[in-house]
Amino acid sequence: MKISLDDCILYMYTRLVMAQSPRIRIDPASGIPAVRQIVDSLRVLLVEGRLGPGATLPSVRRVAMELGVHFNTVAEAYRQLAAEGWLNLQHGRGAVVVPRAVPAVATGAGNEGFRDRLRGLVAQMRAEGISVESIADELRALAKVVKRS
């Protein structure tokens, strides 16, 4: 088996640089804008506590290079998370996770939009052939994570 220099460099980059922080991935073929995929992926890491207060996110350019997107896409994702109160953005210092107060629990009609989106996601999963049992198992596993955070 012959290994190229490019393969070695990619391996070293992946092991040394990308191993330092939780990884996110995007699917360019999904139809969901890359900025939303980045925001959603980072929000999951934040909510689950895998990125806690004081954690420094990789630079916009580094994430853009790793994901193969334009740096403005990553910058917009960071700005959205800052607007939600998750990040403190300072030029030259990067993005730092800040302690975030948990919003008051929404009741009634406030949850309806989320419920509809969740039902739509479950319907999409079923339409793509995922079994009801697998969906239920995944929802139970996610509920456990939510209870811990």
C-alpha atoms as a PDB file:
ATOM      1  CA  MET A   1       0.000   0.000   0.000  1.00  0.00           C
ATOM      2  CA  LYS A   2       1.402   3.350  -1.039  1.00  0.00           C
ATOM      3  CA  ILE A   3       0.696   6.422   1.113  1.00  0.00           C
ATOM      4  CA  SER A   4       1.059   9.874  -0.387  1.00  0.00           C
ATOM      5  CA  LEU A   5       2.452  12.940   1.328  1.00  0.00           C
ATOM      6  CA  ASP A   6      -0.995  14.566   1.050  1.00  0.00           C
ATOM      7  CA  ASP A   7      -2.511  11.662   3.003  1.00  0.00           C
ATOM      8  CA  CYS A   8       0.116  12.067   5.735  1.00  0.00           C
ATOM      9  CA  ILE A   9      -0.454  15.808   6.006  1.00  0.00           C
ATOM     10  CA  LEU A  10      -4.234  15.362   6.155  1.00  0.00           C
ATOM     11  CA  TYR A  11      -3.850  12.677   8.829  1.00  0.00           C
ATOM     12  CA  MET A  12      -1.533  14.852  10.912  1.00  0.00           C
ATOM     13  CA  TYR A  13      -3.839  17.861  10.541  1.00  0.00           C
ATOM     14  CA  THR A  14      -6.874  15.833  11.543  1.00  0.00           C
ATOM     15  CA  ARG A  15      -5.148  14.229  14.535  1.00  0.00           C
ATOM     16  CA  LEU A  16      -3.376  17.341  15.851  1.00  0.00           C
ATOM     17  CA  VAL A  17      -5.701  20.221  15.073  1.00  0.00           C
ATOM     18  CA  MET A  18      -9.195  18.842  14.807  1.00  0.00           C
ATOM     19  CA  ALA A  19      -8.836  16.521  17.821  1.00  0.00           C
ATOM     20  CA  GLN A  20      -8.544  19.562  20.099  1.00  0.00           C
ATOM     21  CA  SER A  21     -12.222  20.507  19.890  1.00  0.00           C
ATOM     22  CA  PRO A  22     -15.558  18.783  19.326  1.00  0.00           C
ATOM     23  CA  ARG A  23     -16.154  18.215  15.647  1.00  0.00           C
ATOM     24  CA  ILE A  24     -19.094  19.378  13.639  1.00  0.00           C
ATOM     25  CA  ARG A  25     -20.007  18.277  10.166  1.00  0.00           C
ATOM     26  CA  ILE A  26     -22.200  19.680   7.468  1.00  0.00           C
ATOM     27  CA  ASP A  27     -23.911  17.998   4.558  1.00  0.00           C
ATOM     28  CA  PRO A  28     -23.659  20.203   1.458  1.00  0.00           C
ATOM     29  CA  ALA A  29     -26.273  18.052  -0.301  1.00  0.00           C
ATOM     30  CA  SER A  30     -28.920  18.339   2.416  1.00  0.00           C
ATOM     31  CA  GLY A  31     -30.687  21.463   1.196  1.00  0.00           C
ATOM     32  CA  ILE A  32     -30.347  23.016   4.648  1.00  0.00           C
ATOM     33  CA  PRO A  33     -28.147  26.127   4.460  1.00  0.00           C
ATOM     34  CA  ALA A  34     -24.626  25.533   5.794  1.00  0.00           C
ATOM     35  CA  VAL A  35     -24.940  28.393   8.284  1.00  0.00           C
ATOM     36  CA  ARG A  36     -27.999  26.753   9.856  1.00  0.00           C
ATOM     37  CA  GLN A  37     -26.254  23.379  10.017  1.00  0.00           C
ATOM     38  CA  ILE A  38     -23.296  24.995  11.791  1.00  0.00           C
ATOM     39  CA  VAL A  39     -25.514  26.896  14.244  1.00  0.00           C
ATOM     40  CA  ASP A  40     -27.603  23.798  14.994  1.00  0.00           C
ATOM     41  CA  SER A  41     -24.520  21.589  15.482  1.00  0.00           C
ATOM     42  CA  LEU A  42     -22.827  24.065  17.793  1.00  0.00           C
ATOM     43  CA  ARG A  43     -26.059  24.649  19.728  1.00  0.00           C
ATOM     44  CA  VAL A  44     -26.306  20.897  20.398  1.00  0.00           C
ATOM     45  CA  LEU A  45     -22.747  20.905  21.769  1.00  0.00           C
ATOM     46  CA  LEU A  46     -23.565  23.948  23.912  1.00  0.00           C
ATOM     47  CA  VAL A  47     -26.859  22.628  25.272  1.00  0.00           C
ATOM     48  CA  GLU A  48     -25.386  19.202  26.025  1.00  0.00           C
ATOM     49  CA  GLY A  49     -22.484  20.850  27.870  1.00  0.00           C
ATOM     50  CA  ARG A  50     -19.755  19.519  25.597  1.00  0.00           C
ATOM     51  CA  LEU A  51     -18.810  23.161  25.047  1.00  0.00           C
ATOM     52  CA  GLY A  52     -18.996  24.891  28.394  1.00  0.00           C
ATOM     53  CA  PRO A  53     -18.428  28.436  29.625  1.00  0.00           C
ATOM     54  CA  GLY A  54     -14.879  29.570  28.992  1.00  0.00           C
ATOM     55  CA  ALA A  55     -14.336  27.258  26.022  1.00  0.00           C
ATOM     56  CA  THR A  56     -12.779  29.005  23.051  1.00  0.00           C
ATOM     57  CA  LEU A  57     -14.120  28.059  19.641  1.00  0.00           C
ATOM     58  CA  PRO A  58     -11.716  27.633  16.738  1.00  0.00           C
ATOM     59  CA  SER A  59     -11.200  30.666  14.532  1.00  0.00           C
ATOM     60  CA  VAL A  60     -13.742  31.403  11.828  1.00  0.00           C
ATOM     61  CA  ARG A  61     -11.162  30.746   9.122  1.00  0.00           C
ATOM     62  CA  ARG A  62     -10.085  27.436  10.620  1.00  0.00           C
ATOM     63  CA  VAL A  63     -13.665  26.144  10.886  1.00  0.00           C
ATOM     64  CA  ALA A  64     -14.388  27.361   7.358  1.00  0.00           C
ATOM     65  CA  MET A  65     -11.346  25.505   6.061  1.00  0.00           C
ATOM     66  CA  GLU A  66     -12.284  22.306   7.946  1.00  0.00           C
ATOM     67  CA  LEU A  67     -15.876  22.392   6.690  1.00  0.00           C
ATOM     68  CA  GLY A  68     -15.104  23.595   3.175  1.00  0.00           C
ATOM     69  CA  VAL A  69     -17.321  26.676   3.392  1.00  0.00           C
ATOM     70  CA  HIS A  70     -16.726  30.406   3.033  1.00  0.00           C
ATOM     71  CA  PHE A  71     -15.485  32.095   6.204  1.00  0.00           C
ATOM     72  CA  ASN A  72     -18.463  34.486   6.133  1.00  0.00           C
ATOM     73  CA  THR A  73     -20.748  31.469   6.592  1.00  0.00           C
ATOM     74  CA  VAL A  74     -18.981  30.505   9.822  1.00  0.00           C
ATOM     75  CA  ALA A  75     -18.814  34.147  10.947  1.00  0.00           C
ATOM     76  CA  GLU A  76     -22.593  34.442  10.516  1.00  0.00           C
ATOM     77  CA  ALA A  77     -23.123  31.246  12.529  1.00  0.00           C
ATOM     78  CA  TYR A  78     -20.963  32.631  15.344  1.00  0.00           C
ATOM     79  CA  ARG A  79     -22.890  35.950  15.223  1.00  0.00           C
ATOM     80  CA  GLN A  80     -26.221  34.123  15.490  1.00  0.00           C
ATOM     81  CA  LEU A  81     -25.031  32.184  18.527  1.00  0.00           C
ATOM     82  CA  ALA A  82     -23.707  35.402  20.071  1.00  0.00           C
ATOM     83  CA  ALA A  83     -27.124  37.016  19.532  1.00  0.00           C
ATOM     84  CA  GLU A  84     -28.700  34.044  21.359  1.00  0.00           C
ATOM     85  CA  GLY A  85     -26.365  34.687  24.299  1.00  0.00           C
ATOM     86  CA  TRP A  86     -24.084  31.668  23.867  1.00  0.00           C
ATOM     87  CA  LEU A  87     -20.879  33.379  22.690  1.00  0.00           C
ATOM     88  CA  ASN A  88     -18.806  36.472  23.326  1.00  0.00           C
ATOM     89  CA  LEU A  89     -17.146  37.621  20.115  1.00  0.00           C
ATOM     90  CA  GLN A  90     -14.074  39.814  20.306  1.00  0.00           C
ATOM     91  CA  HIS A  91     -11.976  40.754  17.308  1.00  0.00           C
ATOM     92  CA  GLY A  92      -8.582  39.108  17.584  1.00  0.00           C
ATOM     93  CA  ARG A  93      -9.618  36.960  20.550  1.00  0.00           C
ATOM     94  CA  GLY A  94     -12.115  34.672  18.868  1.00  0.00           C
ATOM     95  CA  ALA A  95     -15.378  33.280  20.128  1.00  0.00           C
ATOM     96  CA  VAL A  96     -15.663  32.320  23.782  1.00  0.00           C
ATOM     97  CA  VAL A  97     -18.571  30.406  25.302  1.00  0.00           C
ATOM     98  CA  VAL A  98     -20.210  32.451  28.056  1.00  0.00           C
ATOM     99  CA  PRO A  99     -22.477  31.376  30.895  1.00  0.00           C
ATOM    100  CA  ARG A 100     -26.038  31.642  29.658  1.00  0.00           C
ATOM    101  CA  ALA A 101     -29.127  32.029  31.788  1.00  0.00           C
ATOM    102  CA  VAL A 102     -31.764  29.435  31.006  1.00  0.00           C
ATOM    103  CA  PRO A 103     -34.812  31.183  29.518  1.00  0.00           C
ATOM    104  CA  ALA A 104     -38.111  30.904  31.337  1.00  0.00           C
ATOM    105  CA  VAL A 105     -40.067  27.795  30.438  1.00  0.00           C
ATOM    106  CA  ALA A 106     -42.484  28.492  27.608  1.00  0.00           C
ATOM    107  CA  THR A 107     -45.965  27.098  28.004  1.00  0.00           C
ATOM    108  CA  GLY A 108     -48.963  26.655  25.785  1.00  0.00           C
ATOM    109  CA  ALA A 109     -48.756  28.042  22.259  1.00  0.00           C
ATOM    110  CA  GLY A 110     -45.021  28.778  22.573  1.00  0.00           C
ATOM    111  CA  ASN A 111     -44.221  25.078  22.311  1.00  0.00           C
ATOM    112  CA  GLU A 112     -46.555  24.449  19.389  1.00  0.00           C
ATOM    113  CA  GLY A 113     -44.028  25.480  16.740  1.00  0.00           C
ATOM    114  CA  PHE A 114     -41.400  23.146  18.184  1.00  0.00           C
ATOM    115  CA  ARG A 115     -43.892  20.312  18.423  1.00  0.00           C
ATOM    116  CA  ASP A 116     -44.838  20.784  14.757  1.00  0.00           C
ATOM    117  CA  ARG A 117     -41.171  20.787  13.705  1.00  0.00           C
ATOM    118  CA  LEU A 118     -40.493  17.637  15.723  1.00  0.00           C
ATOM    119  CA  ARG A 119     -43.508  15.890  14.183  1.00  0.00           C
ATOM    120  CA  GLY A 120     -42.298  16.922  10.736  1.00  0.00           C
ATOM    121  CA  LEU A 121     -38.845  15.526  11.452  1.00  0.00           C
ATOM    122  CA  VAL A 122     -40.298  12.231  12.690  1.00  0.00           C
ATOM    123  CA  ALA A 123     -42.489  12.051   9.571  1.00  0.00           C
ATOM    124  CA  GLN A 124     -39.441  12.661   7.378  1.00  0.00           C
ATOM    125  CA  MET A 125     -37.522   9.906   9.180  1.00  0.00           C
ATOM    126  CA  ARG A 126     -40.399   7.469   8.684  1.00  0.00           C
ATOM    127  CA  ALA A 127     -40.699   8.462   5.016  1.00  0.00           C
ATOM    128  CA  GLU A 128     -37.003   7.652   4.566  1.00  0.00           C
ATOM    129  CA  GLY A 129     -37.505   4.156   5.958  1.00  0.00           C
ATOM    130  CA  ILE A 130     -36.341   4.522   9.550  1.00  0.00           C
ATOM    131  CA  SER A 131     -38.309   2.169  11.767  1.00  0.00           C
ATOM    132  CA  VAL A 132     -40.695   3.455  14.413  1.00  0.00           C
ATOM    133  CA  GLU A 133     -38.690   1.530  17.030  1.00  0.00           C
ATOM    134  CA  SER A 134     -35.438   3.214  15.991  1.00  0.00           C
ATOM    135  CA  ILE A 135     -37.062   6.643  16.110  1.00  0.00           C
ATOM    136  CA  ALA A 136     -38.533   5.936  19.551  1.00  0.00           C
ATOM    137  CA  ASP A 137     -35.146   4.682  20.824  1.00  0.00           C
ATOM    138  CA  GLU A 138     -33.435   7.817  19.556  1.00  0.00           C
ATOM    139  CA  LEU A 139     -36.048  10.081  21.141  1.00  0.00           C
ATOM    140  CA  ARG A 140     -35.671   8.272  24.476  1.00  0.00           C
ATOM    141  CA  ALA A 141     -31.881   8.631  24.308  1.00  0.00           C
ATOM    142  CA  LEU A 142     -32.213  12.344  23.520  1.00  0.00           C
ATOM    143  CA  ALA A 143     -34.678  12.791  26.395  1.00  0.00           C
ATOM    144  CA  LYS A 144     -32.068  11.352  28.774  1.00  0.00           C
ATOM    145  CA  VAL A 145     -29.470  13.842  27.525  1.00  0.00           C
ATOM    146  CA  VAL A 146     -31.921  16.713  27.927  1.00  0.00           C
ATOM    147  CA  LYS A 147     -32.750  15.688  31.499  1.00  0.00           C
ATOM    148  CA  ARG A 148     -29.046  15.693  32.426  1.00  0.00           C
ATOM    149  CA  SER A 149     -28.345  19.156  31.012  1.00  0.00           C
END
